[in-house]
């Protein structure tokens, strides 16, 4: 029987409406990637998101990024590995303090935006993040792209690591995500996203933007919390997975 985790990037949207969307998505997912203040969010949003996750039995993870609030963490940054490790440590400490105060802990790490994609191909940047994780808590788990440099380095360092796929993002024929700058990169059709999620969970396959079939081995599926109708897309995905007999279970232990 197929087993899959559902994760979402949360604590990124401002104001009461942002918290409402987060809570609706948290009703569906099993892992929450909580923004740590470098690309979005602040201590207040971290507190509220972590508390809402605890109330729903959702595992808490750190959604780390380059320090880039103006660019939402999506702009390329050339950062010295030592400085990157320091930035990662600062974010882990911030979310860890909030989590422990609330009665839980940070179980895993997922990078955001430019850092996420840089870690897939850049050994120095990936190693800087992994080193910071190991120094902070060797029990942390890394969530990253399948076949990435980061996944390989984590496994070599005996750091827990899992690959994820995206039900609501388009893929190129080489298995890479289509750039968000291109039309069709984000899939907003809930039924289409749900069908893709089931195929990913049960067959490890997804149809690429050129209609070719790509193999994607993943333990977790990301459903975005910052796209139009995010909560409805997440609900539709979970329902379709359960209807297909897929077990929904967190990949990391709280």
C-alpha atoms as a PDB file:
ATOM      1  CA  UNK A   1       0.000   0.000   0.000  1.00  0.00           C
ATOM      2  CA  UNK A   2       1.299   3.454  -0.922  1.00  0.00           C
ATOM      3  CA  UNK A   3       2.156   5.846   1.911  1.00  0.00           C
ATOM      4  CA  UNK A   4       2.627   9.577   1.354  1.00  0.00           C
ATOM      5  CA  UNK A   5       3.072  12.734   3.404  1.00  0.00           C
ATOM      6  CA  UNK A   6       1.409  16.026   2.509  1.00  0.00           C
ATOM      7  CA  UNK A   7       3.436  19.157   3.258  1.00  0.00           C
ATOM      8  CA  UNK A   8       2.746  22.834   2.733  1.00  0.00           C
ATOM      9  CA  UNK A   9       4.638  26.125   3.083  1.00  0.00           C
ATOM     10  CA  UNK A  10       2.857  28.085   5.804  1.00  0.00           C
ATOM     11  CA  UNK A  11       3.204  31.225   7.916  1.00  0.00           C
ATOM     12  CA  UNK A  12       4.042  33.216   4.787  1.00  0.00           C
ATOM     13  CA  UNK A  13       0.854  35.209   4.221  1.00  0.00           C
ATOM     14  CA  UNK A  14       0.199  38.387   6.197  1.00  0.00           C
ATOM     15  CA  UNK A  15      -2.780  39.321   8.343  1.00  0.00           C
ATOM     16  CA  UNK A  16      -5.900  37.513   9.562  1.00  0.00           C
ATOM     17  CA  UNK A  17      -6.722  36.252   6.068  1.00  0.00           C
ATOM     18  CA  UNK A  18      -3.297  34.626   5.885  1.00  0.00           C
ATOM     19  CA  UNK A  19      -3.831  32.841   9.202  1.00  0.00           C
ATOM     20  CA  UNK A  20      -7.269  31.678   8.019  1.00  0.00           C
ATOM     21  CA  UNK A  21      -5.778  30.148   4.864  1.00  0.00           C
ATOM     22  CA  UNK A  22      -3.010  28.507   6.906  1.00  0.00           C
ATOM     23  CA  UNK A  23      -5.513  26.934   9.298  1.00  0.00           C
ATOM     24  CA  UNK A  24      -7.595  25.592   6.421  1.00  0.00           C
ATOM     25  CA  UNK A  25      -4.524  24.003   4.812  1.00  0.00           C
ATOM     26  CA  UNK A  26      -3.406  22.622   8.195  1.00  0.00           C
ATOM     27  CA  UNK A  27      -6.716  20.760   8.380  1.00  0.00           C
ATOM     28  CA  UNK A  28      -5.479  18.708   5.421  1.00  0.00           C
ATOM     29  CA  UNK A  29      -1.687  18.309   5.505  1.00  0.00           C
ATOM     30  CA  UNK A  30       0.525  16.199   7.781  1.00  0.00           C
ATOM     31  CA  UNK A  31       3.653  18.396   7.739  1.00  0.00           C
ATOM     32  CA  UNK A  32       3.908  22.198   8.052  1.00  0.00           C
ATOM     33  CA  UNK A  33       6.884  24.042   6.573  1.00  0.00           C
ATOM     34  CA  UNK A  34       6.861  27.142   8.788  1.00  0.00           C
ATOM     35  CA  UNK A  35       8.475  30.324   7.440  1.00  0.00           C
ATOM     36  CA  UNK A  36      11.202  31.492   9.818  1.00  0.00           C
ATOM     37  CA  UNK A  37      11.235  35.228   9.073  1.00  0.00           C
ATOM     38  CA  UNK A  38      13.927  35.484   6.411  1.00  0.00           C
ATOM     39  CA  UNK A  39      11.661  35.511   3.336  1.00  0.00           C
ATOM     40  CA  UNK A  40       8.301  35.863   5.088  1.00  0.00           C
ATOM     41  CA  UNK A  41       6.699  35.614   8.497  1.00  0.00           C
ATOM     42  CA  UNK A  42       7.861  36.766  11.921  1.00  0.00           C
ATOM     43  CA  UNK A  43       7.776  35.520  15.496  1.00  0.00           C
ATOM     44  CA  UNK A  44       4.041  36.204  15.746  1.00  0.00           C
ATOM     45  CA  UNK A  45       3.198  34.158  12.641  1.00  0.00           C
ATOM     46  CA  UNK A  46       5.536  31.392  13.800  1.00  0.00           C
ATOM     47  CA  UNK A  47       3.752  31.206  17.166  1.00  0.00           C
ATOM     48  CA  UNK A  48       0.299  31.114  15.562  1.00  0.00           C
ATOM     49  CA  UNK A  49       1.248  28.595  12.868  1.00  0.00           C
ATOM     50  CA  UNK A  50       3.013  26.243  15.281  1.00  0.00           C
ATOM     51  CA  UNK A  51       0.098  26.356  17.709  1.00  0.00           C
ATOM     52  CA  UNK A  52      -2.395  25.641  14.933  1.00  0.00           C
ATOM     53  CA  UNK A  53      -0.226  22.731  13.754  1.00  0.00           C
ATOM     54  CA  UNK A  54      -0.062  21.256  17.258  1.00  0.00           C
ATOM     55  CA  UNK A  55      -3.840  21.451  17.617  1.00  0.00           C
ATOM     56  CA  UNK A  56      -4.207  19.375  14.439  1.00  0.00           C
ATOM     57  CA  UNK A  57      -1.409  16.894  15.075  1.00  0.00           C
ATOM     58  CA  UNK A  58       0.657  18.262  12.191  1.00  0.00           C
ATOM     59  CA  UNK A  59       4.457  17.870  12.294  1.00  0.00           C
ATOM     60  CA  UNK A  60       6.430  21.150  12.360  1.00  0.00           C
ATOM     61  CA  UNK A  61       9.345  21.822  10.004  1.00  0.00           C
ATOM     62  CA  UNK A  62      11.547  24.873   9.382  1.00  0.00           C
ATOM     63  CA  UNK A  63      11.052  26.583   6.016  1.00  0.00           C
ATOM     64  CA  UNK A  64      14.447  28.264   5.755  1.00  0.00           C
ATOM     65  CA  UNK A  65      15.619  30.693   3.086  1.00  0.00           C
ATOM     66  CA  UNK A  66      18.165  33.297   2.144  1.00  0.00           C
ATOM     67  CA  UNK A  67      17.611  36.618   3.950  1.00  0.00           C
ATOM     68  CA  UNK A  68      15.487  38.242   1.238  1.00  0.00           C
ATOM     69  CA  UNK A  69      12.109  39.571   2.321  1.00  0.00           C
ATOM     70  CA  UNK A  70      11.883  42.020  -0.568  1.00  0.00           C
ATOM     71  CA  UNK A  71      12.310  39.267  -3.136  1.00  0.00           C
ATOM     72  CA  UNK A  72      10.277  36.670  -1.188  1.00  0.00           C
ATOM     73  CA  UNK A  73      13.381  34.508  -1.055  1.00  0.00           C
ATOM     74  CA  UNK A  74      13.197  33.799  -4.765  1.00  0.00           C
ATOM     75  CA  UNK A  75      16.145  35.897  -5.938  1.00  0.00           C
ATOM     76  CA  UNK A  76      19.518  34.176  -6.480  1.00  0.00           C
ATOM     77  CA  UNK A  77      22.021  35.021  -3.734  1.00  0.00           C
ATOM     78  CA  UNK A  78      25.770  34.341  -3.731  1.00  0.00           C
ATOM     79  CA  UNK A  79      26.456  33.765  -0.060  1.00  0.00           C
ATOM     80  CA  UNK A  80      29.606  32.553   1.639  1.00  0.00           C
ATOM     81  CA  UNK A  81      28.970  29.037   3.035  1.00  0.00           C
ATOM     82  CA  UNK A  82      29.934  30.149   6.547  1.00  0.00           C
ATOM     83  CA  UNK A  83      27.424  32.992   6.416  1.00  0.00           C
ATOM     84  CA  UNK A  84      24.754  30.692   4.998  1.00  0.00           C
ATOM     85  CA  UNK A  85      25.282  28.227   7.852  1.00  0.00           C
ATOM     86  CA  UNK A  86      24.927  31.108  10.300  1.00  0.00           C
ATOM     87  CA  UNK A  87      21.677  32.240   8.658  1.00  0.00           C
ATOM     88  CA  UNK A  88      20.277  28.711   8.746  1.00  0.00           C
ATOM     89  CA  UNK A  89      21.229  28.361  12.410  1.00  0.00           C
ATOM     90  CA  UNK A  90      19.507  31.651  13.237  1.00  0.00           C
ATOM     91  CA  UNK A  91      16.293  30.464  11.599  1.00  0.00           C
ATOM     92  CA  UNK A  92      16.405  27.042  13.249  1.00  0.00           C
ATOM     93  CA  UNK A  93      16.956  28.592  16.661  1.00  0.00           C
ATOM     94  CA  UNK A  94      14.068  31.022  16.176  1.00  0.00           C
ATOM     95  CA  UNK A  95      11.529  28.360  15.203  1.00  0.00           C
ATOM     96  CA  UNK A  96      12.898  25.871  17.726  1.00  0.00           C
ATOM     97  CA  UNK A  97      12.390  28.335  20.580  1.00  0.00           C
ATOM     98  CA  UNK A  98       8.805  28.970  19.477  1.00  0.00           C
ATOM     99  CA  UNK A  99       8.131  25.248  19.034  1.00  0.00           C
ATOM    100  CA  UNK A 100       9.572  24.150  22.374  1.00  0.00           C
ATOM    101  CA  UNK A 101       7.682  26.888  24.197  1.00  0.00           C
ATOM    102  CA  UNK A 102       4.498  25.540  22.587  1.00  0.00           C
ATOM    103  CA  UNK A 103       5.340  21.970  23.608  1.00  0.00           C
ATOM    104  CA  UNK A 104       6.725  20.493  20.399  1.00  0.00           C
ATOM    105  CA  UNK A 105       9.948  20.595  18.366  1.00  0.00           C
ATOM    106  CA  UNK A 106      11.201  21.211  14.849  1.00  0.00           C
ATOM    107  CA  UNK A 107      11.371  17.807  13.151  1.00  0.00           C
ATOM    108  CA  UNK A 108      12.668  18.627   9.683  1.00  0.00           C
ATOM    109  CA  UNK A 109      13.968  21.323   7.342  1.00  0.00           C
ATOM    110  CA  UNK A 110      12.838  22.356   3.876  1.00  0.00           C
ATOM    111  CA  UNK A 111      14.489  25.242   2.053  1.00  0.00           C
ATOM    112  CA  UNK A 112      12.489  27.881   0.207  1.00  0.00           C
ATOM    113  CA  UNK A 113      12.717  29.395  -3.239  1.00  0.00           C
ATOM    114  CA  UNK A 114      16.184  30.265  -4.501  1.00  0.00           C
ATOM    115  CA  UNK A 115      17.937  28.353  -1.710  1.00  0.00           C
ATOM    116  CA  UNK A 116      15.836  25.240  -2.374  1.00  0.00           C
ATOM    117  CA  UNK A 117      16.817  25.161  -6.036  1.00  0.00           C
ATOM    118  CA  UNK A 118      20.442  26.157  -5.368  1.00  0.00           C
ATOM    119  CA  UNK A 119      20.830  23.247  -2.932  1.00  0.00           C
ATOM    120  CA  UNK A 120      19.774  20.865  -5.681  1.00  0.00           C
ATOM    121  CA  UNK A 121      22.880  21.636  -7.763  1.00  0.00           C
ATOM    122  CA  UNK A 122      25.423  23.495  -5.576  1.00  0.00           C
ATOM    123  CA  UNK A 123      27.469  21.267  -3.260  1.00  0.00           C
ATOM    124  CA  UNK A 124      28.873  24.141  -1.172  1.00  0.00           C
ATOM    125  CA  UNK A 125      25.488  25.696  -0.483  1.00  0.00           C
ATOM    126  CA  UNK A 126      23.874  22.327   0.224  1.00  0.00           C
ATOM    127  CA  UNK A 127      26.702  21.318   2.557  1.00  0.00           C
ATOM    128  CA  UNK A 128      26.440  24.626   4.425  1.00  0.00           C
ATOM    129  CA  UNK A 129      22.786  23.925   5.182  1.00  0.00           C
ATOM    130  CA  UNK A 130      23.442  20.297   6.130  1.00  0.00           C
ATOM    131  CA  UNK A 131      26.305  21.303   8.438  1.00  0.00           C
ATOM    132  CA  UNK A 132      24.062  23.804  10.217  1.00  0.00           C
ATOM    133  CA  UNK A 133      21.354  21.167  10.617  1.00  0.00           C
ATOM    134  CA  UNK A 134      23.778  18.623  12.075  1.00  0.00           C
ATOM    135  CA  UNK A 135      25.210  21.187  14.477  1.00  0.00           C
ATOM    136  CA  UNK A 136      21.734  22.192  15.630  1.00  0.00           C
ATOM    137  CA  UNK A 137      20.125  18.744  15.975  1.00  0.00           C
ATOM    138  CA  UNK A 138      21.336  15.541  14.337  1.00  0.00           C
ATOM    139  CA  UNK A 139      17.791  14.161  14.445  1.00  0.00           C
ATOM    140  CA  UNK A 140      16.559  16.733  11.931  1.00  0.00           C
ATOM    141  CA  UNK A 141      15.427  15.445   8.540  1.00  0.00           C
ATOM    142  CA  UNK A 142      15.970  17.239   5.226  1.00  0.00           C
ATOM    143  CA  UNK A 143      13.120  17.452   2.700  1.00  0.00           C
ATOM    144  CA  UNK A 144      14.402  18.199  -0.796  1.00  0.00           C
ATOM    145  CA  UNK A 145      14.237  17.379  -4.500  1.00  0.00           C
ATOM    146  CA  UNK A 146      14.769  13.792  -5.707  1.00  0.00           C
ATOM    147  CA  UNK A 147      18.111  13.200  -7.381  1.00  0.00           C
ATOM    148  CA  UNK A 148      19.505  16.437  -5.949  1.00  0.00           C
ATOM    149  CA  UNK A 149      22.997  17.188  -4.670  1.00  0.00           C
ATOM    150  CA  UNK A 150      21.427  17.995  -1.291  1.00  0.00           C
ATOM    151  CA  UNK A 151      19.812  14.558  -1.027  1.00  0.00           C
ATOM    152  CA  UNK A 152      23.092  12.829  -1.861  1.00  0.00           C
ATOM    153  CA  UNK A 153      25.142  14.896   0.610  1.00  0.00           C
ATOM    154  CA  UNK A 154      22.606  14.395   3.389  1.00  0.00           C
ATOM    155  CA  UNK A 155      22.704  10.639   2.939  1.00  0.00           C
ATOM    156  CA  UNK A 156      26.521  10.682   2.915  1.00  0.00           C
ATOM    157  CA  UNK A 157      26.478  12.669   6.175  1.00  0.00           C
ATOM    158  CA  UNK A 158      24.029  10.190   7.757  1.00  0.00           C
ATOM    159  CA  UNK A 159      21.444  12.962   8.013  1.00  0.00           C
ATOM    160  CA  UNK A 160      17.873  11.793   7.544  1.00  0.00           C
ATOM    161  CA  UNK A 161      16.575  12.905   4.149  1.00  0.00           C
ATOM    162  CA  UNK A 162      13.490  12.392   2.009  1.00  0.00           C
ATOM    163  CA  UNK A 163      12.538  13.520  -1.474  1.00  0.00           C
ATOM    164  CA  UNK A 164       9.343  15.368  -2.322  1.00  0.00           C
ATOM    165  CA  UNK A 165       7.241  15.894  -5.413  1.00  0.00           C
ATOM    166  CA  UNK A 166       4.727  18.588  -6.334  1.00  0.00           C
ATOM    167  CA  UNK A 167       1.132  17.878  -7.240  1.00  0.00           C
ATOM    168  CA  UNK A 168       0.397  21.499  -8.133  1.00  0.00           C
ATOM    169  CA  UNK A 169       3.551  22.372 -10.097  1.00  0.00           C
ATOM    170  CA  UNK A 170       4.396  21.592 -13.721  1.00  0.00           C
ATOM    171  CA  UNK A 171       7.469  19.495 -14.562  1.00  0.00           C
ATOM    172  CA  UNK A 172       9.902  19.707 -17.467  1.00  0.00           C
ATOM    173  CA  UNK A 173      10.811  16.537 -19.363  1.00  0.00           C
ATOM    174  CA  UNK A 174      14.077  16.295 -17.393  1.00  0.00           C
ATOM    175  CA  UNK A 175      12.168  16.044 -14.110  1.00  0.00           C
ATOM    176  CA  UNK A 176      12.884  19.618 -13.026  1.00  0.00           C
ATOM    177  CA  UNK A 177      10.144  22.013 -11.966  1.00  0.00           C
ATOM    178  CA  UNK A 178       8.993  24.514 -14.578  1.00  0.00           C
ATOM    179  CA  UNK A 179      10.093  28.025 -13.593  1.00  0.00           C
ATOM    180  CA  UNK A 180       7.399  30.057 -11.871  1.00  0.00           C
ATOM    181  CA  UNK A 181       8.181  32.820 -14.371  1.00  0.00           C
ATOM    182  CA  UNK A 182       6.611  30.715 -17.133  1.00  0.00           C
ATOM    183  CA  UNK A 183       2.880  30.290 -17.816  1.00  0.00           C
ATOM    184  CA  UNK A 184       1.392  27.051 -16.545  1.00  0.00           C
ATOM    185  CA  UNK A 185       4.086  26.547 -13.894  1.00  0.00           C
ATOM    186  CA  UNK A 186       1.507  26.454 -11.092  1.00  0.00           C
ATOM    187  CA  UNK A 187      -1.496  24.150 -11.473  1.00  0.00           C
ATOM    188  CA  UNK A 188      -4.615  25.782 -10.038  1.00  0.00           C
ATOM    189  CA  UNK A 189      -7.139  23.206 -11.298  1.00  0.00           C
ATOM    190  CA  UNK A 190      -7.942  21.179  -8.162  1.00  0.00           C
ATOM    191  CA  UNK A 191      -9.096  18.074 -10.049  1.00  0.00           C
ATOM    192  CA  UNK A 192      -5.960  18.013 -12.202  1.00  0.00           C
ATOM    193  CA  UNK A 193      -3.710  18.486  -9.160  1.00  0.00           C
ATOM    194  CA  UNK A 194      -5.547  15.661  -7.378  1.00  0.00           C
ATOM    195  CA  UNK A 195      -5.145  13.282 -10.314  1.00  0.00           C
ATOM    196  CA  UNK A 196      -1.440  14.098 -10.514  1.00  0.00           C
ATOM    197  CA  UNK A 197      -1.071  13.498  -6.775  1.00  0.00           C
ATOM    198  CA  UNK A 198      -2.596  10.028  -7.045  1.00  0.00           C
ATOM    199  CA  UNK A 199      -0.333   9.102  -9.960  1.00  0.00           C
ATOM    200  CA  UNK A 200       2.738  10.368  -8.093  1.00  0.00           C
ATOM    201  CA  UNK A 201       1.823   8.472  -4.919  1.00  0.00           C
ATOM    202  CA  UNK A 202       0.847   5.194  -6.569  1.00  0.00           C
ATOM    203  CA  UNK A 203       3.048   5.045  -9.684  1.00  0.00           C
ATOM    204  CA  UNK A 204       5.880   7.540  -8.980  1.00  0.00           C
ATOM    205  CA  UNK A 205       5.042   9.196 -12.292  1.00  0.00           C
ATOM    206  CA  UNK A 206       3.936  12.619 -13.492  1.00  0.00           C
ATOM    207  CA  UNK A 207       3.120  14.007 -16.926  1.00  0.00           C
ATOM    208  CA  UNK A 208       5.616  16.689 -17.960  1.00  0.00           C
ATOM    209  CA  UNK A 209       4.694  19.927 -19.696  1.00  0.00           C
ATOM    210  CA  UNK A 210       5.549  18.340 -23.083  1.00  0.00           C
ATOM    211  CA  UNK A 211       3.228  15.364 -22.319  1.00  0.00           C
ATOM    212  CA  UNK A 212       6.131  12.969 -21.707  1.00  0.00           C
ATOM    213  CA  UNK A 213       6.038  10.810 -18.562  1.00  0.00           C
ATOM    214  CA  UNK A 214       8.632  11.490 -15.858  1.00  0.00           C
ATOM    215  CA  UNK A 215       9.531   9.183 -12.959  1.00  0.00           C
ATOM    216  CA  UNK A 216       9.603  10.983  -9.592  1.00  0.00           C
ATOM    217  CA  UNK A 217      10.304   8.942  -6.455  1.00  0.00           C
ATOM    218  CA  UNK A 218       9.001  10.841  -3.424  1.00  0.00           C
ATOM    219  CA  UNK A 219       7.870  10.249   0.165  1.00  0.00           C
ATOM    220  CA  UNK A 220       6.087  13.600   0.441  1.00  0.00           C
ATOM    221  CA  UNK A 221       3.877  15.724  -1.788  1.00  0.00           C
ATOM    222  CA  UNK A 222       3.946  19.511  -1.495  1.00  0.00           C
ATOM    223  CA  UNK A 223       0.702  21.431  -1.837  1.00  0.00           C
ATOM    224  CA  UNK A 224       1.243  25.156  -1.891  1.00  0.00           C
ATOM    225  CA  UNK A 225      -0.435  27.371   0.680  1.00  0.00           C
ATOM    226  CA  UNK A 226       0.111  30.653  -1.182  1.00  0.00           C
ATOM    227  CA  UNK A 227      -1.772  29.958  -4.416  1.00  0.00           C
ATOM    228  CA  UNK A 228      -5.405  30.820  -5.298  1.00  0.00           C
ATOM    229  CA  UNK A 229      -7.813  28.333  -3.738  1.00  0.00           C
ATOM    230  CA  UNK A 230      -4.936  26.612  -1.902  1.00  0.00           C
ATOM    231  CA  UNK A 231      -7.115  25.042   0.782  1.00  0.00           C
ATOM    232  CA  UNK A 232      -9.601  23.627  -1.735  1.00  0.00           C
ATOM    233  CA  UNK A 233      -6.793  22.187  -3.863  1.00  0.00           C
ATOM    234  CA  UNK A 234      -5.281  20.583  -0.749  1.00  0.00           C
ATOM    235  CA  UNK A 235      -8.642  19.106   0.296  1.00  0.00           C
ATOM    236  CA  UNK A 236      -9.258  17.690  -3.178  1.00  0.00           C
ATOM    237  CA  UNK A 237      -5.778  16.150  -3.261  1.00  0.00           C
ATOM    238  CA  UNK A 238      -6.177  14.458   0.117  1.00  0.00           C
ATOM    239  CA  UNK A 239      -9.638  13.135  -0.744  1.00  0.00           C
ATOM    240  CA  UNK A 240      -8.402  11.694  -4.049  1.00  0.00           C
ATOM    241  CA  UNK A 241      -5.432  10.020  -2.353  1.00  0.00           C
ATOM    242  CA  UNK A 242      -7.622   8.438   0.306  1.00  0.00           C
ATOM    243  CA  UNK A 243     -10.121   7.280  -2.317  1.00  0.00           C
ATOM    244  CA  UNK A 244      -7.209   5.604  -4.130  1.00  0.00           C
ATOM    245  CA  UNK A 245      -6.246   3.732  -0.959  1.00  0.00           C
ATOM    246  CA  UNK A 246      -3.137   5.797  -0.216  1.00  0.00           C
ATOM    247  CA  UNK A 247      -2.189   6.131   3.461  1.00  0.00           C
ATOM    248  CA  UNK A 248      -1.502   9.747   4.478  1.00  0.00           C
ATOM    249  CA  UNK A 249       1.289   9.832   7.060  1.00  0.00           C
ATOM    250  CA  UNK A 250       4.018  12.294   8.080  1.00  0.00           C
ATOM    251  CA  UNK A 251       7.552  11.386   6.972  1.00  0.00           C
ATOM    252  CA  UNK A 252       9.224  12.889  10.065  1.00  0.00           C
ATOM    253  CA  UNK A 253       8.709  12.081  13.742  1.00  0.00           C
ATOM    254  CA  UNK A 254       7.779  14.987  16.009  1.00  0.00           C
END
